[in-house]
Amino acid sequence: MCVTGLVGCANSPSSLDADGWQSLPLPGKAVTRYVRAEKDGRPALMADSERSASLWRKRVSVEPQRVREVSFSWWVPELIATANLSMPEREDTPARVLFGFDGDIGRLPLRTRMQFELLQALTGEMPPYATLMYVWDPQLPVGTVVVSQRSDRIRKIVVDSGAAELRRWRDHRRDLAADFRLAFGEEPGRLTSIAYMTDSDNTRSQARCWYGPVQLH
């Protein structure tokens, strides 16, 4: 199942924002630029961040029993040397792929529900019950699970670390359901969104990434 809407997917749309993909700004943040591109002969989505943070997102609806393996790829020219995904004030990275999941928000702690309501007031939509990110960090070891200090309903798994693999395509295939259980300690609900995110707002820097298609297997 190809879900990116990039050239090379079955029934590719004629424009990048077709097939349901759209920019999702974040409150108070400059918007990262996402454009169709090609990198080393591959169709790609180029993300260019200038002290900015926003998502390029597609809504989906995949029932829990169909949440299995996922593959994605990225090409990163440089890391943000001062970034660290475990520290809110330095929480930037050139490469993220995000998966949003549904669930019973009513069973979450009151403080978390209040955070969700505030975000809904600011953005016009309720955030996912749980968000799992695959990320590239300059320091944290591969396999590290990072719980966001901004919201414990956002958790990150480091799949690339350090500068050794820069300036080449990095192809990843993951068991999305198993990674969700690892990160959250529970079974995943319905998959509701897939997104890319390149950000450099906290470190007041620049970042760039080329993303390949995301595929659900």
Protein backbone atom coordinates (compact mmCIF):
# COMPACT_ATOMS: atom_id res chain seq x y z
CA MET A 1 0.00 0.00 0.00
CA CYS A 2 1.65 3.20 -1.19
CA VAL A 3 0.47 6.25 0.71
CA THR A 4 2.84 9.07 -0.17
CA GLY A 5 1.39 10.48 -3.38
CA LEU A 6 4.91 10.79 -4.83
CA VAL A 7 5.99 9.95 -8.37
CA GLY A 8 6.53 6.19 -8.56
CA CYS A 9 3.52 5.24 -6.45
CA ALA A 10 0.58 3.55 -8.10
CA ASN A 11 -1.91 6.12 -9.40
CA SER A 12 0.42 9.01 -8.55
CA PRO A 13 -1.37 12.36 -8.48
CA SER A 14 -0.27 15.12 -10.81
CA SER A 15 0.59 17.48 -7.96
CA LEU A 16 2.14 17.01 -4.55
CA ASP A 17 -0.85 18.29 -2.60
CA ALA A 18 -3.28 15.95 -4.38
CA ASP A 19 -4.49 12.66 -2.90
CA GLY A 20 -5.10 14.15 0.52
CA TRP A 21 -1.62 15.41 1.47
CA GLN A 22 -1.52 18.86 3.04
CA SER A 23 0.67 21.16 5.07
CA LEU A 24 -0.12 21.18 8.77
CA PRO A 25 1.22 24.34 10.48
CA LEU A 26 2.05 24.32 14.18
CA PRO A 27 0.90 27.19 16.42
CA GLY A 28 3.42 30.00 16.57
CA LYS A 29 5.90 28.30 14.20
CA ALA A 30 7.19 29.25 10.76
CA VAL A 31 6.23 26.71 8.09
CA THR A 32 8.71 24.22 6.63
CA ARG A 33 8.68 24.09 2.81
CA TYR A 34 7.80 20.73 1.23
CA VAL A 35 8.16 20.27 -2.54
CA ARG A 36 8.24 17.40 -5.01
CA ALA A 37 11.80 16.60 -6.07
CA GLU A 38 14.15 13.88 -7.25
CA LYS A 39 17.25 12.70 -5.39
CA ASP A 40 19.83 10.29 -6.82
CA GLY A 41 17.31 9.05 -9.35
CA ARG A 42 14.53 8.52 -6.82
CA PRO A 43 11.21 10.39 -6.55
CA ALA A 44 11.21 12.31 -3.30
CA LEU A 45 9.64 14.95 -1.13
CA MET A 46 12.17 17.64 -0.28
CA ALA A 47 11.73 19.37 3.08
CA ASP A 48 13.51 22.68 3.68
CA SER A 49 13.39 24.13 7.20
CA GLU A 50 14.54 27.65 8.08
CA ARG A 51 13.98 28.02 11.83
CA SER A 52 10.62 26.38 11.15
CA ALA A 53 8.46 23.42 12.16
CA SER A 54 5.42 22.01 10.37
CA LEU A 55 4.14 18.70 9.01
CA TRP A 56 3.27 17.34 5.58
CA ARG A 57 0.40 15.01 6.49
CA LYS A 58 -2.09 12.59 5.02
CA ARG A 59 -5.11 11.24 6.85
CA VAL A 60 -5.66 7.49 6.57
CA SER A 61 -7.85 4.86 8.20
CA VAL A 62 -6.15 1.52 8.81
CA GLU A 63 -7.76 -0.90 11.26
CA PRO A 64 -5.50 -2.25 14.05
CA GLN A 65 -5.30 -5.77 12.61
CA ARG A 66 -3.82 -4.31 9.41
CA VAL A 67 -1.15 -2.24 11.21
CA ARG A 68 1.90 -4.36 10.45
CA GLU A 69 5.17 -3.55 8.68
CA VAL A 70 6.01 -0.13 7.27
CA SER A 71 8.88 1.01 5.08
CA PHE A 72 10.23 4.52 4.54
CA SER A 73 13.45 6.20 3.46
CA TRP A 74 15.26 9.50 3.77
CA TRP A 75 18.39 11.29 2.51
CA VAL A 76 19.94 13.81 4.90
CA PRO A 77 22.85 16.08 3.93
CA GLU A 78 23.71 17.41 7.41
CA LEU A 79 22.58 17.00 10.99
CA ILE A 80 21.88 19.79 13.45
CA ALA A 81 24.92 19.51 15.70
CA THR A 82 23.30 21.15 18.74
CA ALA A 83 20.04 19.18 18.52
CA ASN A 84 18.94 16.53 21.00
CA LEU A 85 15.52 14.93 20.74
CA SER A 86 15.38 14.22 24.48
CA MET A 87 15.64 17.94 25.36
CA PRO A 88 12.66 20.23 24.60
CA GLU A 89 14.84 23.30 24.02
CA ARG A 90 16.95 21.41 21.42
CA GLU A 91 14.32 19.04 20.06
CA ASP A 92 14.94 19.37 16.28
CA THR A 93 15.87 16.91 13.55
CA PRO A 94 16.07 16.92 9.74
CA ALA A 95 14.22 13.59 9.48
CA ARG A 96 11.01 12.37 11.09
CA VAL A 97 8.24 10.08 9.89
CA LEU A 98 5.15 10.21 12.10
CA PHE A 99 2.22 7.84 12.59
CA GLY A 100 -0.91 8.99 14.43
CA PHE A 101 -3.20 6.48 16.16
CA ASP A 102 -6.75 6.57 17.46
CA GLY A 103 -7.74 5.50 20.97
CA ASP A 104 -9.93 6.25 23.95
CA ILE A 105 -8.87 9.76 24.96
CA GLY A 106 -11.27 9.57 27.89
CA ARG A 107 -9.02 7.08 29.67
CA LEU A 108 -6.03 9.44 29.62
CA PRO A 109 -5.06 11.48 32.72
CA LEU A 110 -6.89 14.77 33.24
CA ARG A 111 -3.77 16.82 32.56
CA THR A 112 -3.27 15.13 29.20
CA ARG A 113 -6.93 15.63 28.24
CA MET A 114 -6.59 19.32 29.10
CA GLN A 115 -3.49 19.56 26.89
CA PHE A 116 -5.45 17.96 24.06
CA GLU A 117 -8.32 20.43 24.51
CA LEU A 118 -5.89 23.36 24.43
CA LEU A 119 -4.31 22.04 21.22
CA GLN A 120 -7.76 21.58 19.72
CA ALA A 121 -8.56 25.21 20.52
CA LEU A 122 -5.29 26.38 18.92
CA THR A 123 -5.34 24.18 15.82
CA GLY A 124 -9.00 23.38 15.26
CA GLU A 125 -8.52 19.62 15.61
CA MET A 126 -7.96 17.09 18.34
CA PRO A 127 -4.42 15.59 18.32
CA PRO A 128 -4.03 11.82 17.87
CA TYR A 129 -4.48 9.60 20.91
CA ALA A 130 -0.86 8.51 20.35
CA THR A 131 1.87 9.60 17.94
CA LEU A 132 4.83 7.36 17.12
CA MET A 133 7.82 8.97 15.36
CA TYR A 134 10.84 7.44 13.67
CA VAL A 135 13.71 9.91 13.90
CA TRP A 136 17.38 10.63 13.19
CA ASP A 137 19.33 12.03 16.16
CA PRO A 138 22.96 13.23 16.15
CA GLN A 139 23.79 11.57 19.49
CA LEU A 140 21.22 9.12 20.85
CA PRO A 141 21.89 5.43 20.04
CA VAL A 142 19.77 3.57 17.50
CA GLY A 143 16.88 1.89 19.30
CA THR A 144 16.48 4.61 21.92
CA VAL A 145 12.84 5.33 22.78
CA VAL A 146 12.30 8.97 23.73
CA VAL A 147 9.15 10.08 25.54
CA SER A 148 8.40 13.68 24.63
CA GLN A 149 8.60 16.04 27.58
CA ARG A 150 5.91 18.14 25.96
CA SER A 151 3.41 15.26 25.85
CA ASP A 152 3.83 11.63 26.89
CA ARG A 153 1.45 10.74 24.05
CA ILE A 154 4.31 11.47 21.62
CA ARG A 155 7.12 8.93 21.58
CA LYS A 156 10.13 8.67 19.30
CA ILE A 157 12.28 5.75 18.19
CA VAL A 158 15.78 6.56 16.95
CA VAL A 159 16.48 4.60 13.75
CA ASP A 160 19.54 6.55 12.57
CA SER A 161 22.22 8.12 14.76
CA GLY A 162 25.32 10.21 14.14
CA ALA A 163 26.87 11.37 10.88
CA ALA A 164 28.23 8.13 9.41
CA GLU A 165 25.27 7.54 7.07
CA LEU A 166 24.78 11.11 5.83
CA ARG A 167 24.45 11.95 2.12
CA ARG A 168 23.07 8.58 1.09
CA TRP A 169 19.61 7.02 1.00
CA ARG A 170 18.72 5.28 4.24
CA ASP A 171 16.00 2.65 3.76
CA HIS A 172 14.09 1.40 6.78
CA ARG A 173 11.52 -1.35 7.24
CA ARG A 174 9.89 -1.61 10.67
CA ASP A 175 7.20 -3.63 12.42
CA LEU A 176 4.95 -0.70 13.23
CA ALA A 177 2.69 -2.61 15.63
CA ALA A 178 5.66 -4.05 17.56
CA ASP A 179 7.31 -0.62 17.74
CA PHE A 180 4.06 0.87 19.07
CA ARG A 181 3.92 -1.76 21.80
CA LEU A 182 7.57 -1.07 22.62
CA ALA A 183 7.03 2.69 22.87
CA PHE A 184 3.61 2.82 24.55
CA GLY A 185 3.23 -0.54 26.29
CA GLU A 186 -0.16 -1.19 24.73
CA GLU A 187 -1.71 -2.41 21.50
CA PRO A 188 -2.08 0.13 18.67
CA GLY A 189 -5.49 1.44 17.73
CA ARG A 190 -6.61 2.50 14.29
CA LEU A 191 -3.90 4.28 12.26
CA THR A 192 -5.31 7.71 11.39
CA SER A 193 -2.45 9.71 9.86
CA ILE A 194 1.00 9.55 8.31
CA ALA A 195 3.27 12.59 8.16
CA TYR A 196 6.76 13.89 7.45
CA MET A 197 8.36 16.55 9.62
CA THR A 198 11.62 18.43 9.25
CA ASP A 199 12.16 21.10 11.90
CA SER A 200 14.85 23.49 13.14
CA ASP A 201 12.85 25.99 15.18
CA ASN A 202 14.19 25.22 18.66
CA THR A 203 17.84 25.42 17.66
CA ARG A 204 17.19 28.46 15.40
CA SER A 205 19.01 26.71 12.57
CA GLN A 206 18.46 25.18 9.13
CA ALA A 207 17.66 21.62 8.10
CA ARG A 208 16.95 19.76 4.88
CA CYS A 209 15.83 16.24 4.03
CA TRP A 210 14.62 14.24 1.04
CA TYR A 211 11.95 11.66 1.89
CA GLY A 212 11.00 8.60 -0.11
CA PRO A 213 7.53 7.02 -0.16
CA VAL A 214 6.00 5.50 2.95
CA GLN A 215 4.54 2.05 2.35
CA LEU A 216 2.36 -0.12 4.58
CA HIS A 217 2.87 -3.85 4.00
